[in-house]
Protein backbone atom coordinates (compact mmCIF):
# COMPACT_ATOMS: atom_id res chain seq x y z
CA UNK A 1 -4.25 -10.81 0.76
CA UNK A 2 -1.63 -9.29 3.09
CA UNK A 3 1.02 -11.77 1.99
CA UNK A 4 0.26 -11.17 -1.68
CA UNK A 5 0.52 -7.40 -1.25
CA UNK A 6 3.71 -7.71 0.82
CA UNK A 7 5.33 -9.92 -1.82
CA UNK A 8 4.24 -7.63 -4.65
CA UNK A 9 5.42 -4.42 -3.00
CA UNK A 10 8.66 -5.97 -1.72
CA UNK A 11 9.48 -6.97 -5.28
CA UNK A 12 8.56 -3.57 -6.73
CA UNK A 13 10.24 -1.55 -3.95
CA UNK A 14 13.17 -3.62 -2.61
CA UNK A 15 14.62 -0.62 -0.74
CA UNK A 16 11.52 -0.28 1.47
CA UNK A 17 11.04 -2.61 4.44
CA UNK A 18 7.26 -2.86 4.62
CA UNK A 19 7.49 -4.93 7.80
CA UNK A 20 9.64 -2.40 9.68
CA UNK A 21 6.68 -0.57 11.18
CA UNK A 22 2.92 -0.50 11.56
CA UNK A 23 3.19 3.26 10.91
CA UNK A 24 4.91 3.40 7.53
CA UNK A 25 3.64 6.90 6.72
CA UNK A 26 3.86 8.31 10.23
CA UNK A 27 7.43 7.02 10.63
CA UNK A 28 8.51 8.52 7.29
CA UNK A 29 9.19 5.18 5.64
CA UNK A 30 6.68 6.00 2.90
CA UNK A 31 6.48 9.43 1.32
CA UNK A 32 4.18 10.91 -1.31
CA UNK A 33 6.32 9.60 -4.18
CA UNK A 34 6.34 6.03 -2.87
CA UNK A 35 2.61 6.19 -2.12
CA UNK A 36 1.94 7.29 -5.69
CA UNK A 37 3.90 4.30 -6.95
CA UNK A 38 2.09 1.94 -4.59
CA UNK A 39 -1.26 3.26 -5.83
CA UNK A 40 -0.19 2.58 -9.43
CA UNK A 41 1.09 -0.91 -8.56
CA UNK A 42 -2.07 -1.91 -6.69
CA UNK A 43 -4.29 -0.44 -9.40
CA UNK A 44 -2.59 -2.49 -12.11
CA UNK A 45 -2.27 -5.70 -10.09
CA UNK A 46 -5.80 -5.82 -8.70
CA UNK A 47 -7.74 -3.95 -11.41
CA UNK A 48 -9.08 -1.41 -8.94
CA UNK A 49 -9.38 2.35 -8.87
CA UNK A 50 -8.21 3.97 -5.67
CA UNK A 51 -10.26 7.14 -5.15
CA UNK A 52 -8.78 10.24 -3.55
CA UNK A 53 -10.68 9.71 -0.30
CA UNK A 54 -8.89 6.36 0.18
CA UNK A 55 -5.47 8.08 0.13
CA UNK A 56 -5.56 8.21 3.89
CA UNK A 57 -2.53 7.41 6.02
CA UNK A 58 -4.53 4.72 7.86
CA UNK A 59 -4.72 2.78 4.59
CA UNK A 60 -0.99 3.18 3.88
CA UNK A 61 0.54 2.84 7.36
CA UNK A 62 0.75 -0.94 7.11
CA UNK A 63 0.34 -3.91 4.82
CA UNK A 64 -2.81 -4.78 6.79
CA UNK A 65 -4.25 -1.34 6.01
CA UNK A 66 -3.43 -1.74 2.33
CA UNK A 67 -5.03 -5.21 2.28
CA UNK A 68 -8.22 -3.88 3.91
CA UNK A 69 -8.41 -1.08 1.36
CA UNK A 70 -7.86 -3.39 -1.62
CA UNK A 71 -10.43 -5.91 -0.37
CA UNK A 72 -12.96 -3.11 0.19
CA UNK A 73 -12.41 -1.72 -3.31
CA UNK A 74 -12.69 -5.15 -4.89
CA UNK A 75 -16.08 -5.77 -3.26
């Protein structure tokens, strides 16, 4: 799942290095605009709804966090 998300987001957002840090939000690599786009991309790709309570920096700080969130919402 991590590889699929990394490939998808790298294609959609080529200017963002998703492997640069395990703290993408905390390090300022992702901001609210990019997070909004990521939510839309993941929603369309995986057919999930990402509720407000999942918009936590722990879920968006890394590809691993995003993968855990997507897998949880698919279950």
